Amino acid sequence: MTEWNIQPFLADDFHEVMGLWSATEGLGVGPGDSPEAIGRFLDRNPGLSLVARTDGAIIAAILCGHDGRRGFIYRLAVARAHRRRGLAAELVRRCIAGLAAEGIARCQVFVEADNQAAREFWAAMNGALRNDLVVFSIDLP
């Protein structure tokens, strides 16, 4: 029996998830992380982003969606006390299944370059590091 309950990430979960993201090493918080921006993302990608709860508290969250062509995972965080129990892998499996059900054939994962633990996790999840691409970010007015 698992010790968590996985549910869709809802806009009402925003503040609790932001607390988790802020407390998780290797995750940055940026201009796209406002309640309005996350709400729009969740509305455009219903049911793909997930949270895990134990005793009502959010202990893990994954931000997942697609643009109709490619899937994207932007954030994955598990509270330190709940790591190494398969929760992150289960969240990823569910996101990938959700993307596949919508006809998406590939998912891109965004990881900060110096986050070695995340790089190792995604490699273990059969992620292929792409050395042929770089990311450019343009802040809009």
C-alpha atoms as a PDB file:
ATOM      1  CA  MET A   1       0.000   0.000   0.000  1.00  0.00           C
ATOM      2  CA  THR A   2       1.334   3.452  -0.892  1.00  0.00           C
ATOM      3  CA  GLU A   3       1.647   6.215   1.634  1.00  0.00           C
ATOM      4  CA  TRP A   4       0.437   8.930  -0.728  1.00  0.00           C
ATOM      5  CA  ASN A   5      -2.577   9.923  -2.781  1.00  0.00           C
ATOM      6  CA  ILE A   6      -1.895  11.285  -6.278  1.00  0.00           C
ATOM      7  CA  GLN A   7      -4.359  13.842  -7.651  1.00  0.00           C
ATOM      8  CA  PRO A   8      -4.480  16.461 -10.401  1.00  0.00           C
ATOM      9  CA  PHE A   9      -2.632  19.690  -9.601  1.00  0.00           C
ATOM     10  CA  LEU A  10      -5.361  22.325  -9.232  1.00  0.00           C
ATOM     11  CA  ALA A  11      -5.037  26.109  -9.152  1.00  0.00           C
ATOM     12  CA  ASP A  12      -6.014  26.015  -5.455  1.00  0.00           C
ATOM     13  CA  ASP A  13      -2.827  24.004  -4.791  1.00  0.00           C
ATOM     14  CA  PHE A  14      -0.604  26.856  -6.030  1.00  0.00           C
ATOM     15  CA  HIS A  15       0.649  28.279  -2.718  1.00  0.00           C
ATOM     16  CA  GLU A  16       1.387  24.895  -1.182  1.00  0.00           C
ATOM     17  CA  VAL A  17       3.201  23.743  -4.341  1.00  0.00           C
ATOM     18  CA  MET A  18       5.205  26.999  -4.453  1.00  0.00           C
ATOM     19  CA  GLY A  19       6.311  26.302  -0.882  1.00  0.00           C
ATOM     20  CA  LEU A  20       7.504  22.855  -1.947  1.00  0.00           C
ATOM     21  CA  TRP A  21       9.291  24.209  -5.042  1.00  0.00           C
ATOM     22  CA  SER A  22      10.946  26.962  -3.010  1.00  0.00           C
ATOM     23  CA  ALA A  23      12.201  24.427  -0.458  1.00  0.00           C
ATOM     24  CA  THR A  24      13.569  22.052  -3.110  1.00  0.00           C
ATOM     25  CA  GLU A  25      17.218  22.412  -4.016  1.00  0.00           C
ATOM     26  CA  GLY A  26      17.929  22.787  -7.726  1.00  0.00           C
ATOM     27  CA  LEU A  27      14.548  24.327  -8.593  1.00  0.00           C
ATOM     28  CA  GLY A  28      14.284  27.956  -9.521  1.00  0.00           C
ATOM     29  CA  VAL A  29      11.184  30.101  -9.372  1.00  0.00           C
ATOM     30  CA  GLY A  30      10.742  32.526 -12.255  1.00  0.00           C
ATOM     31  CA  PRO A  31       8.400  35.042 -13.842  1.00  0.00           C
ATOM     32  CA  GLY A  32       6.123  32.283 -15.173  1.00  0.00           C
ATOM     33  CA  ASP A  33       5.362  31.079 -11.673  1.00  0.00           C
ATOM     34  CA  SER A  34       2.575  33.455 -10.698  1.00  0.00           C
ATOM     35  CA  PRO A  35      -0.827  32.082  -9.656  1.00  0.00           C
ATOM     36  CA  GLU A  36      -2.306  33.409 -12.913  1.00  0.00           C
ATOM     37  CA  ALA A  37       0.378  31.874 -15.142  1.00  0.00           C
ATOM     38  CA  ILE A  38       0.256  28.484 -13.420  1.00  0.00           C
ATOM     39  CA  GLY A  39      -3.557  28.598 -13.525  1.00  0.00           C
ATOM     40  CA  ARG A  40      -3.495  29.212 -17.299  1.00  0.00           C
ATOM     41  CA  PHE A  41      -1.035  26.340 -17.755  1.00  0.00           C
ATOM     42  CA  LEU A  42      -3.191  23.973 -15.710  1.00  0.00           C
ATOM     43  CA  ASP A  43      -6.333  25.033 -17.634  1.00  0.00           C
ATOM     44  CA  ARG A  44      -4.595  24.364 -20.973  1.00  0.00           C
ATOM     45  CA  ASN A  45      -3.347  20.957 -19.805  1.00  0.00           C
ATOM     46  CA  PRO A  46      -6.047  19.532 -17.522  1.00  0.00           C
ATOM     47  CA  GLY A  47      -5.068  16.494 -15.491  1.00  0.00           C
ATOM     48  CA  LEU A  48      -1.464  16.282 -16.710  1.00  0.00           C
ATOM     49  CA  SER A  49       0.165  18.063 -13.771  1.00  0.00           C
ATOM     50  CA  LEU A  50      -0.084  16.185 -10.496  1.00  0.00           C
ATOM     51  CA  VAL A  51       0.373  16.509  -6.749  1.00  0.00           C
ATOM     52  CA  ALA A  52       0.861  13.794  -4.157  1.00  0.00           C
ATOM     53  CA  ARG A  53      -0.597  14.181  -0.677  1.00  0.00           C
ATOM     54  CA  THR A  54      -0.027  12.493   2.638  1.00  0.00           C
ATOM     55  CA  ASP A  55      -2.383  13.358   5.486  1.00  0.00           C
ATOM     56  CA  GLY A  56      -3.760  16.186   3.322  1.00  0.00           C
ATOM     57  CA  ALA A  57      -0.379  17.887   2.818  1.00  0.00           C
ATOM     58  CA  ILE A  58       1.278  18.128  -0.591  1.00  0.00           C
ATOM     59  CA  ILE A  59       4.552  16.199  -0.503  1.00  0.00           C
ATOM     60  CA  ALA A  60       5.295  16.135  -4.252  1.00  0.00           C
ATOM     61  CA  ALA A  61       4.315  17.963  -7.423  1.00  0.00           C
ATOM     62  CA  ILE A  62       5.020  17.728 -11.137  1.00  0.00           C
ATOM     63  CA  LEU A  63       4.223  20.400 -13.727  1.00  0.00           C
ATOM     64  CA  CYS A  64       3.496  18.735 -17.068  1.00  0.00           C
ATOM     65  CA  GLY A  65       1.783  19.806 -20.272  1.00  0.00           C
ATOM     66  CA  HIS A  66       2.065  19.935 -24.045  1.00  0.00           C
ATOM     67  CA  ASP A  67       1.725  22.293 -26.974  1.00  0.00           C
ATOM     68  CA  GLY A  68       0.016  19.762 -29.247  1.00  0.00           C
ATOM     69  CA  ARG A  69       3.349  18.556 -30.626  1.00  0.00           C
ATOM     70  CA  ARG A  70       5.730  18.002 -27.705  1.00  0.00           C
ATOM     71  CA  GLY A  71       5.235  17.306 -24.039  1.00  0.00           C
ATOM     72  CA  PHE A  72       7.081  19.275 -21.403  1.00  0.00           C
ATOM     73  CA  ILE A  73       7.929  18.637 -17.774  1.00  0.00           C
ATOM     74  CA  TYR A  74       9.017  21.847 -16.126  1.00  0.00           C
ATOM     75  CA  ARG A  75       9.127  20.975 -12.459  1.00  0.00           C
ATOM     76  CA  LEU A  76       9.323  17.819 -10.363  1.00  0.00           C
ATOM     77  CA  ALA A  77       9.758  18.067  -6.619  1.00  0.00           C
ATOM     78  CA  VAL A  78       9.404  15.608  -3.767  1.00  0.00           C
ATOM     79  CA  ALA A  79       9.742  16.710  -0.152  1.00  0.00           C
ATOM     80  CA  ARG A  80      13.028  15.452   1.283  1.00  0.00           C
ATOM     81  CA  ALA A  81      11.351  13.188   3.879  1.00  0.00           C
ATOM     82  CA  HIS A  82       9.463  11.334   1.118  1.00  0.00           C
ATOM     83  CA  ARG A  83      12.273  10.697  -1.373  1.00  0.00           C
ATOM     84  CA  ARG A  84      13.674   7.344  -2.469  1.00  0.00           C
ATOM     85  CA  ARG A  85      10.289   5.596  -2.266  1.00  0.00           C
ATOM     86  CA  GLY A  86       9.340   5.605  -5.948  1.00  0.00           C
ATOM     87  CA  LEU A  87       7.054   8.621  -5.786  1.00  0.00           C
ATOM     88  CA  ALA A  88       8.922  10.740  -8.345  1.00  0.00           C
ATOM     89  CA  ALA A  89       9.064   7.821 -10.773  1.00  0.00           C
ATOM     90  CA  GLU A  90       5.329   7.194 -10.321  1.00  0.00           C
ATOM     91  CA  LEU A  91       4.514  10.844 -11.035  1.00  0.00           C
ATOM     92  CA  VAL A  92       6.659  10.719 -14.178  1.00  0.00           C
ATOM     93  CA  ARG A  93       5.036   7.455 -15.350  1.00  0.00           C
ATOM     94  CA  ARG A  94       1.576   9.002 -14.947  1.00  0.00           C
ATOM     95  CA  CYS A  95       2.570  12.172 -16.789  1.00  0.00           C
ATOM     96  CA  ILE A  96       4.092  10.218 -19.664  1.00  0.00           C
ATOM     97  CA  ALA A  97       0.981   8.026 -19.882  1.00  0.00           C
ATOM     98  CA  GLY A  98      -1.203  11.151 -19.920  1.00  0.00           C
ATOM     99  CA  LEU A  99       0.855  12.735 -22.690  1.00  0.00           C
ATOM    100  CA  ALA A 100       0.827   9.507 -24.730  1.00  0.00           C
ATOM    101  CA  ALA A 101      -2.960   9.285 -24.343  1.00  0.00           C
ATOM    102  CA  GLU A 102      -3.158  12.722 -25.971  1.00  0.00           C
ATOM    103  CA  GLY A 103      -1.041  11.589 -28.932  1.00  0.00           C
ATOM    104  CA  ILE A 104       2.210  13.216 -27.839  1.00  0.00           C
ATOM    105  CA  ALA A 105       5.246  11.215 -28.985  1.00  0.00           C
ATOM    106  CA  ARG A 106       8.093  12.956 -27.120  1.00  0.00           C
ATOM    107  CA  CYS A 107       8.509  14.809 -23.854  1.00  0.00           C
ATOM    108  CA  GLN A 108      11.180  17.390 -23.077  1.00  0.00           C
ATOM    109  CA  VAL A 109      12.336  17.853 -19.486  1.00  0.00           C
ATOM    110  CA  PHE A 110      13.859  21.084 -18.219  1.00  0.00           C
ATOM    111  CA  VAL A 111      16.635  20.677 -15.636  1.00  0.00           C
ATOM    112  CA  GLU A 112      19.098  23.258 -14.344  1.00  0.00           C
ATOM    113  CA  ALA A 113      22.514  22.319 -15.749  1.00  0.00           C
ATOM    114  CA  ASP A 114      24.194  22.079 -12.336  1.00  0.00           C
ATOM    115  CA  ASN A 115      21.474  19.928 -10.744  1.00  0.00           C
ATOM    116  CA  GLN A 116      23.374  16.630 -10.746  1.00  0.00           C
ATOM    117  CA  ALA A 117      20.760  14.713  -8.751  1.00  0.00           C
ATOM    118  CA  ALA A 118      18.058  15.648 -11.260  1.00  0.00           C
ATOM    119  CA  ARG A 119      20.302  14.748 -14.189  1.00  0.00           C
ATOM    120  CA  GLU A 120      20.892  11.297 -12.672  1.00  0.00           C
ATOM    121  CA  PHE A 121      17.170  10.814 -11.963  1.00  0.00           C
ATOM    122  CA  TRP A 122      16.133  11.675 -15.529  1.00  0.00           C
ATOM    123  CA  ALA A 123      18.849   9.420 -16.977  1.00  0.00           C
ATOM    124  CA  ALA A 124      17.468   6.584 -14.807  1.00  0.00           C
ATOM    125  CA  MET A 125      13.994   7.369 -16.225  1.00  0.00           C
ATOM    126  CA  ASN A 126      15.402   6.669 -19.728  1.00  0.00           C
ATOM    127  CA  GLY A 127      15.856  10.338 -20.514  1.00  0.00           C
ATOM    128  CA  ALA A 128      18.464  11.061 -23.169  1.00  0.00           C
ATOM    129  CA  LEU A 129      20.628  14.110 -22.550  1.00  0.00           C
ATOM    130  CA  ARG A 130      20.569  16.298 -25.655  1.00  0.00           C
ATOM    131  CA  ASN A 131      23.948  17.940 -26.158  1.00  0.00           C
ATOM    132  CA  ASP A 132      22.907  19.252 -29.569  1.00  0.00           C
ATOM    133  CA  LEU A 133      20.438  21.807 -28.165  1.00  0.00           C
ATOM    134  CA  VAL A 134      20.664  24.896 -26.005  1.00  0.00           C
ATOM    135  CA  VAL A 135      17.816  26.904 -24.542  1.00  0.00           C
ATOM    136  CA  PHE A 136      17.346  30.616 -25.129  1.00  0.00           C
ATOM    137  CA  SER A 137      14.989  32.511 -22.847  1.00  0.00           C
ATOM    138  CA  ILE A 138      13.393  35.811 -23.818  1.00  0.00           C
ATOM    139  CA  ASP A 139      11.666  37.836 -21.115  1.00  0.00           C
ATOM    140  CA  LEU A 140       8.609  39.588 -22.551  1.00  0.00           C
ATOM    141  CA  PRO A 141       7.568  43.109 -21.558  1.00  0.00           C
END
